[in-house]
Each structure stands twice: as C-alpha cells, then as structure tokens.
Amino acid sequence: MADCRSLPQMCLLGPIPPRTPGRSDAQVPSDAARGVCKYGRIPFVYFYQDGATADPAFGLLDIEIAIQRRGPGLFACEIYAIGDGYQSGHGASEPEPLVFELRGRGRTIAKAEWRYPIILSGHMDALTYSIPLALSGEAFELLDRILVPPARARVTVCLE
C-alpha cells in the first residue's frame, strides 16, 4: 500500500448539453424532468504516488456533475465517472473522500464529499453517486463552478 495524491481540477457550470450524434448523452441528472439543473464535466482526476507525477496509480475519467433543484428547498448533487484502473494499482478513497466544492461569487457555497468505491486494476467501471444538498434557492442561483481540491488516496500497487 502506498499513499498518493490528486491534482486540483475545476469546471464551470452550465445547462445540460444537448444530444448530438458525435457525443454521448449526459449521464446525470438521472431524470432531467425533475427540476432545473446546473451541469459540469471534469475530464479526469488522476492519483499519483508521491514524487511520481509522470505515472498515475489510478484515476477517474469523464466526471459529470449535476446539481438539481427537486422541489421547494430540495436539491441534489449527482456524480457519474469512469474508474480508470488501467494504470498501476487498485485505488481507494481512504484516507479521505474526493471533495466537490460548489462555488459561486468566489466562495464555496456547499460541498459534496464522495468516498468512491475501490477502483480495480485492469478495469474501467462506471461509478455513480448522489447526495442531497442543503441549499437555498438563492444559493443555487449563485453556483457557477466546481472545484475539486487535491485529495489523498491509498493505492495497492499491482506489478505484473
């Protein structure tokens, strides 16, 4: 077992992208008809062993995030990602979760913390997560970006 760390990532929030033949449909929200949604996509978050930034241990690809109003005072955050275990080891969200800071006007308005499941070496698996959010309607309107700060993780290195 070894400790590793990701680099910070961010994305802007906007509407759900329209369907087109050349792009896969958005995977979140699970039901767009449930309410107004803000959507963002982060291409990847990779975890690197200390001092080895050229060779990732494992990662998450095509991370989609949706924040949706589901009724008066009811909001949810849904996340979809592909676990990229085609790297050098099994990855786990221990010792800390991946944090999604929902931001607006230069400050963090809410957070979603995700303890993603183990990402297996030799696999590319779809991962999903959903959590209710404590937001007001005014706070939801301010959301304009998502920041994923660096996170620590644990990797079991798999050598062939």
N, C-alpha and C. Protein backbone atom coordinates (compact mmCIF):
# COMPACT_ATOMS: atom_id res chain seq x y z
N MET A 1 0.84 -1.18 0.00
CA MET A 1 0.00 0.00 0.00
C MET A 1 0.89 1.24 0.00
N ALA A 2 0.42 2.23 -0.73
CA ALA A 2 1.14 3.50 -0.80
C ALA A 2 0.14 4.64 -0.83
N ASP A 3 0.56 5.77 -0.32
CA ASP A 3 -0.27 6.97 -0.38
C ASP A 3 -0.05 7.66 -1.72
N CYS A 4 -1.09 8.31 -2.21
CA CYS A 4 -0.97 9.10 -3.42
C CYS A 4 -1.88 10.31 -3.31
N ARG A 5 -1.75 11.21 -4.26
CA ARG A 5 -2.48 12.48 -4.21
C ARG A 5 -2.88 12.87 -5.62
N SER A 6 -4.05 13.53 -5.70
CA SER A 6 -4.51 14.07 -6.99
C SER A 6 -4.11 15.52 -7.11
N LEU A 7 -4.23 16.05 -8.31
CA LEU A 7 -4.02 17.46 -8.56
C LEU A 7 -5.38 18.15 -8.58
N PRO A 8 -5.45 19.45 -8.29
CA PRO A 8 -6.75 20.14 -8.31
C PRO A 8 -7.33 20.20 -9.72
N GLN A 9 -8.65 20.17 -9.79
CA GLN A 9 -9.37 20.29 -11.06
C GLN A 9 -10.56 21.21 -10.84
N MET A 10 -11.10 21.75 -11.92
CA MET A 10 -12.31 22.58 -11.81
C MET A 10 -13.06 22.58 -13.11
N CYS A 11 -14.33 22.99 -13.03
CA CYS A 11 -15.14 23.17 -14.24
C CYS A 11 -16.17 24.24 -13.98
N LEU A 12 -16.64 24.83 -15.06
CA LEU A 12 -17.74 25.79 -14.99
C LEU A 12 -19.06 25.03 -15.08
N LEU A 13 -20.10 25.62 -14.54
CA LEU A 13 -21.43 25.03 -14.59
C LEU A 13 -22.27 25.71 -15.66
N GLY A 14 -23.09 24.93 -16.32
CA GLY A 14 -23.99 25.45 -17.34
C GLY A 14 -25.16 24.51 -17.50
N PRO A 15 -25.90 24.65 -18.59
CA PRO A 15 -27.02 23.73 -18.83
C PRO A 15 -26.52 22.36 -19.26
N ILE A 16 -27.38 21.38 -19.18
CA ILE A 16 -27.08 20.03 -19.66
C ILE A 16 -26.85 20.13 -21.17
N PRO A 17 -25.77 19.53 -21.69
CA PRO A 17 -25.52 19.63 -23.13
C PRO A 17 -26.59 18.92 -23.94
N PRO A 18 -26.92 19.45 -25.11
CA PRO A 18 -27.94 18.82 -25.95
C PRO A 18 -27.43 17.49 -26.52
N ARG A 19 -28.35 16.66 -26.92
CA ARG A 19 -27.99 15.39 -27.56
C ARG A 19 -27.45 15.67 -28.95
N THR A 20 -26.34 15.02 -29.28
CA THR A 20 -25.79 15.10 -30.63
C THR A 20 -25.24 13.73 -31.01
N PRO A 21 -25.17 13.42 -32.29
CA PRO A 21 -24.67 12.10 -32.70
C PRO A 21 -23.21 11.84 -32.33
N GLY A 22 -22.40 12.87 -32.25
CA GLY A 22 -20.97 12.68 -32.01
C GLY A 22 -20.56 12.67 -30.56
N ARG A 23 -21.50 12.79 -29.62
CA ARG A 23 -21.14 12.86 -28.20
C ARG A 23 -22.11 12.01 -27.41
N SER A 24 -21.61 11.35 -26.39
CA SER A 24 -22.51 10.56 -25.55
C SER A 24 -23.44 11.49 -24.77
N ASP A 25 -24.63 10.98 -24.47
CA ASP A 25 -25.59 11.75 -23.69
C ASP A 25 -25.07 11.96 -22.28
N ALA A 26 -25.50 13.04 -21.65
CA ALA A 26 -25.16 13.28 -20.26
C ALA A 26 -25.71 12.15 -19.40
N GLN A 27 -24.92 11.69 -18.45
CA GLN A 27 -25.33 10.59 -17.57
C GLN A 27 -26.02 11.08 -16.31
N VAL A 28 -25.85 12.34 -15.97
CA VAL A 28 -26.53 12.95 -14.83
C VAL A 28 -27.14 14.26 -15.30
N PRO A 29 -28.25 14.67 -14.76
CA PRO A 29 -29.01 14.03 -13.69
C PRO A 29 -29.73 12.78 -14.20
N SER A 30 -30.13 11.94 -13.27
CA SER A 30 -30.81 10.70 -13.65
C SER A 30 -32.16 10.97 -14.30
N ASP A 31 -32.80 12.08 -13.95
CA ASP A 31 -34.08 12.46 -14.55
C ASP A 31 -34.13 13.98 -14.67
N ALA A 32 -33.82 14.49 -15.85
CA ALA A 32 -33.76 15.94 -16.07
C ALA A 32 -35.11 16.61 -15.87
N ALA A 33 -36.20 15.86 -15.98
CA ALA A 33 -37.54 16.44 -15.82
C ALA A 33 -37.87 16.75 -14.37
N ARG A 34 -37.05 16.32 -13.43
CA ARG A 34 -37.35 16.54 -12.01
C ARG A 34 -37.13 17.98 -11.57
N GLY A 35 -36.36 18.77 -12.35
CA GLY A 35 -36.15 20.15 -11.96
C GLY A 35 -34.98 20.79 -12.68
N VAL A 36 -34.85 22.08 -12.48
CA VAL A 36 -33.79 22.87 -13.08
C VAL A 36 -32.44 22.32 -12.63
N CYS A 37 -31.48 22.31 -13.56
CA CYS A 37 -30.20 21.66 -13.28
C CYS A 37 -29.04 22.53 -13.73
N LYS A 38 -27.94 22.45 -13.00
CA LYS A 38 -26.66 23.02 -13.42
C LYS A 38 -25.70 21.85 -13.59
N TYR A 39 -24.96 21.87 -14.70
CA TYR A 39 -24.17 20.71 -15.11
C TYR A 39 -22.73 21.11 -15.39
N GLY A 40 -21.81 20.22 -15.05
CA GLY A 40 -20.40 20.44 -15.36
C GLY A 40 -19.70 19.12 -15.63
N ARG A 41 -18.57 19.19 -16.31
CA ARG A 41 -17.81 17.97 -16.64
C ARG A 41 -16.32 18.25 -16.43
N ILE A 42 -15.68 17.34 -15.72
CA ILE A 42 -14.24 17.39 -15.48
C ILE A 42 -13.65 16.20 -16.23
N PRO A 43 -12.69 16.42 -17.12
CA PRO A 43 -12.19 15.32 -17.95
C PRO A 43 -11.53 14.19 -17.16
N PHE A 44 -10.81 14.51 -16.08
CA PHE A 44 -10.14 13.46 -15.33
C PHE A 44 -9.65 13.98 -13.98
N VAL A 45 -9.47 13.05 -13.05
CA VAL A 45 -8.75 13.26 -11.81
C VAL A 45 -7.87 12.01 -11.66
N TYR A 46 -6.57 12.19 -11.72
CA TYR A 46 -5.64 11.07 -11.54
C TYR A 46 -4.91 11.20 -10.22
N PHE A 47 -4.57 10.06 -9.64
CA PHE A 47 -3.85 10.00 -8.37
C PHE A 47 -2.45 9.48 -8.64
N TYR A 48 -1.46 10.20 -8.08
CA TYR A 48 -0.06 9.91 -8.30
C TYR A 48 0.61 9.58 -6.98
N GLN A 49 1.48 8.57 -6.99
CA GLN A 49 2.29 8.31 -5.81
C GLN A 49 3.21 9.50 -5.60
N ASP A 50 3.57 9.75 -4.35
CA ASP A 50 4.43 10.89 -4.04
C ASP A 50 5.69 10.86 -4.89
N GLY A 51 5.96 11.97 -5.57
CA GLY A 51 7.16 12.11 -6.38
C GLY A 51 7.10 11.43 -7.74
N ALA A 52 5.94 10.90 -8.14
CA ALA A 52 5.86 10.18 -9.42
C ALA A 52 4.75 10.75 -10.29
N THR A 53 4.83 12.02 -10.64
CA THR A 53 3.75 12.68 -11.38
C THR A 53 3.66 12.25 -12.84
N ALA A 54 4.61 11.48 -13.33
CA ALA A 54 4.55 11.04 -14.72
C ALA A 54 3.79 9.72 -14.88
N ASP A 55 3.53 9.00 -13.80
CA ASP A 55 2.90 7.69 -13.88
C ASP A 55 1.76 7.60 -12.87
N PRO A 56 0.51 7.81 -13.30
CA PRO A 56 -0.59 7.77 -12.34
C PRO A 56 -0.83 6.34 -11.83
N ALA A 57 -1.31 6.25 -10.60
CA ALA A 57 -1.62 4.96 -10.00
C ALA A 57 -3.02 4.50 -10.41
N PHE A 58 -3.99 5.43 -10.42
CA PHE A 58 -5.36 5.16 -10.85
C PHE A 58 -6.05 6.50 -11.03
N GLY A 59 -7.27 6.49 -11.54
CA GLY A 59 -7.95 7.76 -11.73
C GLY A 59 -9.43 7.61 -11.98
N LEU A 60 -10.06 8.74 -12.19
CA LEU A 60 -11.46 8.86 -12.56
C LEU A 60 -11.52 9.66 -13.85
N LEU A 61 -12.28 9.17 -14.83
CA LEU A 61 -12.40 9.83 -16.14
C LEU A 61 -13.82 10.34 -16.36
N ASP A 62 -13.94 11.34 -17.22
CA ASP A 62 -15.25 11.86 -17.66
C ASP A 62 -16.21 12.06 -16.50
N ILE A 63 -15.77 12.82 -15.53
CA ILE A 63 -16.58 13.08 -14.34
C ILE A 63 -17.66 14.09 -14.69
N GLU A 64 -18.91 13.69 -14.55
CA GLU A 64 -20.04 14.57 -14.79
C GLU A 64 -20.69 14.89 -13.45
N ILE A 65 -21.05 16.16 -13.25
CA ILE A 65 -21.65 16.60 -12.00
C ILE A 65 -22.91 17.38 -12.35
N ALA A 66 -24.01 17.05 -11.68
CA ALA A 66 -25.26 17.79 -11.86
C ALA A 66 -25.78 18.21 -10.49
N ILE A 67 -26.14 19.48 -10.37
CA ILE A 67 -26.81 19.98 -9.17
C ILE A 67 -28.21 20.34 -9.62
N GLN A 68 -29.20 19.72 -8.99
CA GLN A 68 -30.58 19.85 -9.47
C GLN A 68 -31.52 20.28 -8.35
N ARG A 69 -32.41 21.22 -8.71
CA ARG A 69 -33.49 21.61 -7.81
C ARG A 69 -34.60 20.58 -7.99
N ARG A 70 -35.02 19.94 -6.90
CA ARG A 70 -36.02 18.88 -7.00
C ARG A 70 -37.32 19.23 -6.30
N GLY A 71 -37.44 20.45 -5.91
CA GLY A 71 -38.65 20.92 -5.26
C GLY A 71 -38.30 22.08 -4.35
N PRO A 72 -39.29 22.68 -3.70
CA PRO A 72 -39.01 23.81 -2.80
C PRO A 72 -38.05 23.37 -1.68
N GLY A 73 -36.85 23.94 -1.68
CA GLY A 73 -35.87 23.63 -0.65
C GLY A 73 -35.20 22.27 -0.80
N LEU A 74 -35.43 21.57 -1.90
CA LEU A 74 -34.84 20.24 -2.11
C LEU A 74 -33.87 20.29 -3.28
N PHE A 75 -32.62 19.96 -3.01
CA PHE A 75 -31.58 19.96 -4.03
C PHE A 75 -30.78 18.68 -3.90
N ALA A 76 -30.21 18.24 -5.02
CA ALA A 76 -29.38 17.04 -5.02
C ALA A 76 -28.18 17.25 -5.92
N CYS A 77 -27.10 16.57 -5.59
CA CYS A 77 -25.90 16.54 -6.42
C CYS A 77 -25.72 15.09 -6.88
N GLU A 78 -25.60 14.90 -8.19
CA GLU A 78 -25.34 13.58 -8.75
C GLU A 78 -24.01 13.61 -9.48
N ILE A 79 -23.24 12.53 -9.33
CA ILE A 79 -21.93 12.43 -9.95
C ILE A 79 -21.85 11.11 -10.70
N TYR A 80 -21.28 11.16 -11.89
CA TYR A 80 -21.03 9.97 -12.70
C TYR A 80 -19.56 10.04 -13.14
N ALA A 81 -18.86 8.91 -13.07
CA ALA A 81 -17.46 8.87 -13.52
C ALA A 81 -17.12 7.46 -13.97
N ILE A 82 -16.05 7.36 -14.71
CA ILE A 82 -15.49 6.07 -15.09
C ILE A 82 -14.22 5.88 -14.25
N GLY A 83 -14.18 4.80 -13.48
CA GLY A 83 -12.99 4.48 -12.71
C GLY A 83 -11.93 3.91 -13.64
N ASP A 84 -10.79 4.59 -13.74
CA ASP A 84 -9.72 4.16 -14.63
C ASP A 84 -8.70 3.33 -13.86
N GLY A 85 -8.92 2.03 -13.86
CA GLY A 85 -7.99 1.12 -13.22
C GLY A 85 -6.97 0.55 -14.18
N TYR A 86 -6.90 1.09 -15.39
CA TYR A 86 -5.89 0.63 -16.35
C TYR A 86 -4.61 1.41 -16.14
N GLN A 87 -4.19 1.49 -14.91
CA GLN A 87 -2.95 2.17 -14.56
C GLN A 87 -2.11 1.18 -13.74
N SER A 88 -1.56 1.59 -12.61
CA SER A 88 -0.62 0.71 -11.91
C SER A 88 -1.13 0.12 -10.61
N GLY A 89 -2.40 0.33 -10.25
CA GLY A 89 -2.84 -0.25 -9.00
C GLY A 89 -4.31 -0.12 -8.72
N HIS A 90 -4.75 -0.76 -7.62
CA HIS A 90 -6.11 -0.61 -7.08
C HIS A 90 -6.14 0.69 -6.28
N GLY A 91 -7.16 1.51 -6.49
CA GLY A 91 -7.23 2.77 -5.76
C GLY A 91 -8.41 2.81 -4.83
N ALA A 92 -8.25 3.50 -3.70
CA ALA A 92 -9.33 3.62 -2.72
C ALA A 92 -9.37 5.03 -2.16
N SER A 93 -10.57 5.46 -1.79
CA SER A 93 -10.75 6.82 -1.27
C SER A 93 -10.39 6.92 0.21
N GLU A 94 -9.59 6.03 0.67
CA GLU A 94 -9.03 6.17 2.01
C GLU A 94 -7.68 6.85 1.82
N PRO A 95 -7.29 7.77 2.58
CA PRO A 95 -7.82 8.18 3.87
C PRO A 95 -8.83 9.33 3.84
N GLU A 96 -9.18 9.86 2.66
CA GLU A 96 -10.15 10.96 2.63
C GLU A 96 -10.99 10.89 1.36
N PRO A 97 -12.20 11.46 1.42
CA PRO A 97 -13.06 11.43 0.23
C PRO A 97 -12.61 12.45 -0.81
N LEU A 98 -13.13 12.30 -2.01
CA LEU A 98 -12.97 13.30 -3.05
C LEU A 98 -14.01 14.38 -2.76
N VAL A 99 -13.60 15.62 -2.69
CA VAL A 99 -14.49 16.72 -2.33
C VAL A 99 -14.81 17.55 -3.57
N PHE A 100 -16.09 17.84 -3.75
CA PHE A 100 -16.56 18.72 -4.82
C PHE A 100 -17.05 19.99 -4.15
N GLU A 101 -16.31 21.08 -4.32
CA GLU A 101 -16.72 22.37 -3.75
C GLU A 101 -17.59 23.08 -4.77
N LEU A 102 -18.83 23.31 -4.43
CA LEU A 102 -19.78 24.02 -5.29
C LEU A 102 -19.61 25.50 -4.98
N ARG A 103 -19.18 26.24 -5.98
CA ARG A 103 -18.76 27.62 -5.74
C ARG A 103 -19.58 28.63 -6.53
N GLY A 104 -19.61 29.83 -6.01
CA GLY A 104 -20.25 30.97 -6.66
C GLY A 104 -19.73 32.25 -6.06
N ARG A 105 -19.53 33.25 -6.88
CA ARG A 105 -19.00 34.54 -6.43
C ARG A 105 -17.70 34.40 -5.65
N GLY A 106 -16.87 33.45 -6.09
CA GLY A 106 -15.54 33.31 -5.50
C GLY A 106 -15.48 32.61 -4.16
N ARG A 107 -16.58 32.01 -3.72
CA ARG A 107 -16.55 31.32 -2.42
C ARG A 107 -17.28 29.98 -2.51
N THR A 108 -16.97 29.12 -1.58
CA THR A 108 -17.62 27.81 -1.52
C THR A 108 -18.98 27.97 -0.88
N ILE A 109 -20.02 27.51 -1.59
CA ILE A 109 -21.40 27.61 -1.10
C ILE A 109 -21.85 26.29 -0.47
N ALA A 110 -21.41 25.18 -1.04
CA ALA A 110 -21.76 23.86 -0.50
C ALA A 110 -20.67 22.88 -0.92
N LYS A 111 -20.66 21.71 -0.28
CA LYS A 111 -19.70 20.67 -0.62
C LYS A 111 -20.41 19.33 -0.73
N ALA A 112 -19.89 18.51 -1.64
CA ALA A 112 -20.32 17.11 -1.73
C ALA A 112 -19.06 16.28 -1.58
N GLU A 113 -19.06 15.37 -0.62
CA GLU A 113 -17.91 14.51 -0.38
C GLU A 113 -18.25 13.10 -0.85
N TRP A 114 -17.34 12.51 -1.64
CA TRP A 114 -17.60 11.20 -2.24
C TRP A 114 -16.51 10.22 -1.85
N ARG A 115 -16.88 9.21 -1.11
CA ARG A 115 -15.98 8.08 -0.85
C ARG A 115 -16.26 7.05 -1.93
N TYR A 116 -15.61 7.23 -3.07
CA TYR A 116 -15.83 6.36 -4.23
C TYR A 116 -15.39 4.94 -3.89
N PRO A 117 -15.97 3.95 -4.55
CA PRO A 117 -15.58 2.56 -4.28
C PRO A 117 -14.18 2.27 -4.80
N ILE A 118 -13.65 1.12 -4.44
CA ILE A 118 -12.32 0.72 -4.89
C ILE A 118 -12.31 0.65 -6.42
N ILE A 119 -11.29 1.26 -7.00
CA ILE A 119 -11.10 1.22 -8.45
C ILE A 119 -10.09 0.11 -8.71
N LEU A 120 -10.55 -0.93 -9.38
CA LEU A 120 -9.74 -2.13 -9.58
C LEU A 120 -8.78 -1.99 -10.74
N SER A 121 -7.58 -2.49 -10.55
CA SER A 121 -6.59 -2.52 -11.61
C SER A 121 -7.10 -3.41 -12.73
N GLY A 122 -6.96 -2.95 -13.98
CA GLY A 122 -7.43 -3.73 -15.13
C GLY A 122 -8.89 -3.54 -15.45
N HIS A 123 -9.56 -2.56 -14.82
CA HIS A 123 -10.99 -2.32 -15.04
C HIS A 123 -11.25 -0.87 -15.41
N MET A 124 -12.30 -0.66 -16.19
CA MET A 124 -12.87 0.67 -16.40
C MET A 124 -14.35 0.52 -16.08
N ASP A 125 -14.73 0.91 -14.87
CA ASP A 125 -16.09 0.70 -14.39
C ASP A 125 -16.81 2.03 -14.20
N ALA A 126 -18.10 2.04 -14.53
CA ALA A 126 -18.93 3.22 -14.29
C ALA A 126 -19.23 3.33 -12.80
N LEU A 127 -19.11 4.54 -12.27
CA LEU A 127 -19.36 4.81 -10.86
C LEU A 127 -20.40 5.92 -10.76
N THR A 128 -21.31 5.80 -9.82
CA THR A 128 -22.31 6.85 -9.62
C THR A 128 -22.41 7.19 -8.14
N TYR A 129 -22.89 8.41 -7.89
CA TYR A 129 -23.04 8.88 -6.52
C TYR A 129 -24.12 9.96 -6.51
N SER A 130 -24.92 9.98 -5.46
CA SER A 130 -25.96 11.00 -5.32
C SER A 130 -26.06 11.38 -3.85
N ILE A 131 -26.21 12.68 -3.59
CA ILE A 131 -26.32 13.16 -2.22
C ILE A 131 -27.26 14.37 -2.19
N PRO A 132 -28.15 14.45 -1.20
CA PRO A 132 -28.96 15.66 -1.06
C PRO A 132 -28.07 16.83 -0.60
N LEU A 133 -28.44 18.03 -1.01
CA LEU A 133 -27.67 19.22 -0.66
C LEU A 133 -28.52 20.18 0.16
N ALA A 134 -27.91 20.78 1.15
CA ALA A 134 -28.58 21.82 1.93
C ALA A 134 -28.28 23.16 1.26
N LEU A 135 -29.19 23.59 0.39
CA LEU A 135 -29.03 24.85 -0.35
C LEU A 135 -30.33 25.64 -0.26
N SER A 136 -30.23 26.93 -0.42
CA SER A 136 -31.41 27.76 -0.62
C SER A 136 -31.53 28.02 -2.11
N GLY A 137 -32.68 28.49 -2.54
CA GLY A 137 -32.86 28.85 -3.94
C GLY A 137 -31.89 29.93 -4.38
N GLU A 138 -31.62 30.91 -3.49
CA GLU A 138 -30.68 31.98 -3.82
C GLU A 138 -29.27 31.43 -3.98
N ALA A 139 -28.87 30.51 -3.11
CA ALA A 139 -27.54 29.92 -3.20
C ALA A 139 -27.40 29.09 -4.49
N PHE A 140 -28.44 28.37 -4.86
CA PHE A 140 -28.42 27.58 -6.10
C PHE A 140 -28.18 28.50 -7.30
N GLU A 141 -28.85 29.64 -7.32
CA GLU A 141 -28.70 30.57 -8.44
C GLU A 141 -27.28 31.12 -8.54
N LEU A 142 -26.55 31.20 -7.43
CA LEU A 142 -25.19 31.73 -7.44
C LEU A 142 -24.16 30.72 -7.96
N LEU A 143 -24.46 29.44 -7.93
CA LEU A 143 -23.48 28.42 -8.32
C LEU A 143 -23.03 28.62 -9.76
N ASP A 144 -21.70 28.69 -9.96
CA ASP A 144 -21.18 28.88 -11.32
C ASP A 144 -19.98 28.00 -11.65
N ARG A 145 -19.44 27.27 -10.67
CA ARG A 145 -18.28 26.42 -10.92
C ARG A 145 -18.14 25.37 -9.83
N ILE A 146 -17.31 24.38 -10.13
CA ILE A 146 -16.99 23.34 -9.16
C ILE A 146 -15.48 23.21 -9.10
N LEU A 147 -14.97 23.16 -7.90
CA LEU A 147 -13.55 22.95 -7.66
C LEU A 147 -13.39 21.60 -6.96
N VAL A 148 -12.45 20.81 -7.45
CA VAL A 148 -12.08 19.55 -6.79
C VAL A 148 -10.66 19.75 -6.29
N PRO A 149 -10.50 20.05 -4.98
CA PRO A 149 -9.14 20.27 -4.47
C PRO A 149 -8.33 18.97 -4.46
N PRO A 150 -7.01 19.06 -4.27
CA PRO A 150 -6.21 17.84 -4.18
C PRO A 150 -6.75 16.93 -3.08
N ALA A 151 -6.70 15.63 -3.34
CA ALA A 151 -7.18 14.65 -2.36
C ALA A 151 -6.14 13.55 -2.20
N ARG A 152 -6.08 13.03 -1.00
CA ARG A 152 -5.20 11.89 -0.75
C ARG A 152 -5.98 10.61 -1.00
N ALA A 153 -5.28 9.57 -1.39
CA ALA A 153 -5.90 8.26 -1.61
C ALA A 153 -4.86 7.19 -1.30
N ARG A 154 -5.31 5.97 -1.23
CA ARG A 154 -4.42 4.85 -0.98
C ARG A 154 -4.44 3.94 -2.19
N VAL A 155 -3.27 3.46 -2.58
CA VAL A 155 -3.18 2.59 -3.75
C VAL A 155 -2.43 1.31 -3.36
N THR A 156 -2.91 0.21 -3.88
CA THR A 156 -2.19 -1.06 -3.81
C THR A 156 -1.56 -1.27 -5.16
N VAL A 157 -0.25 -1.20 -5.23
CA VAL A 157 0.45 -1.30 -6.50
C VAL A 157 0.39 -2.74 -7.01
N CYS A 158 0.03 -2.87 -8.27
CA CYS A 158 -0.10 -4.19 -8.90
C CYS A 158 1.00 -4.32 -9.95
N LEU A 159 1.95 -5.17 -9.68
CA LEU A 159 3.05 -5.40 -10.63
C LEU A 159 2.83 -6.72 -11.33
N GLU A 160 3.04 -6.74 -12.63
CA GLU A 160 2.85 -7.98 -13.40
C GLU A 160 4.16 -8.70 -13.60
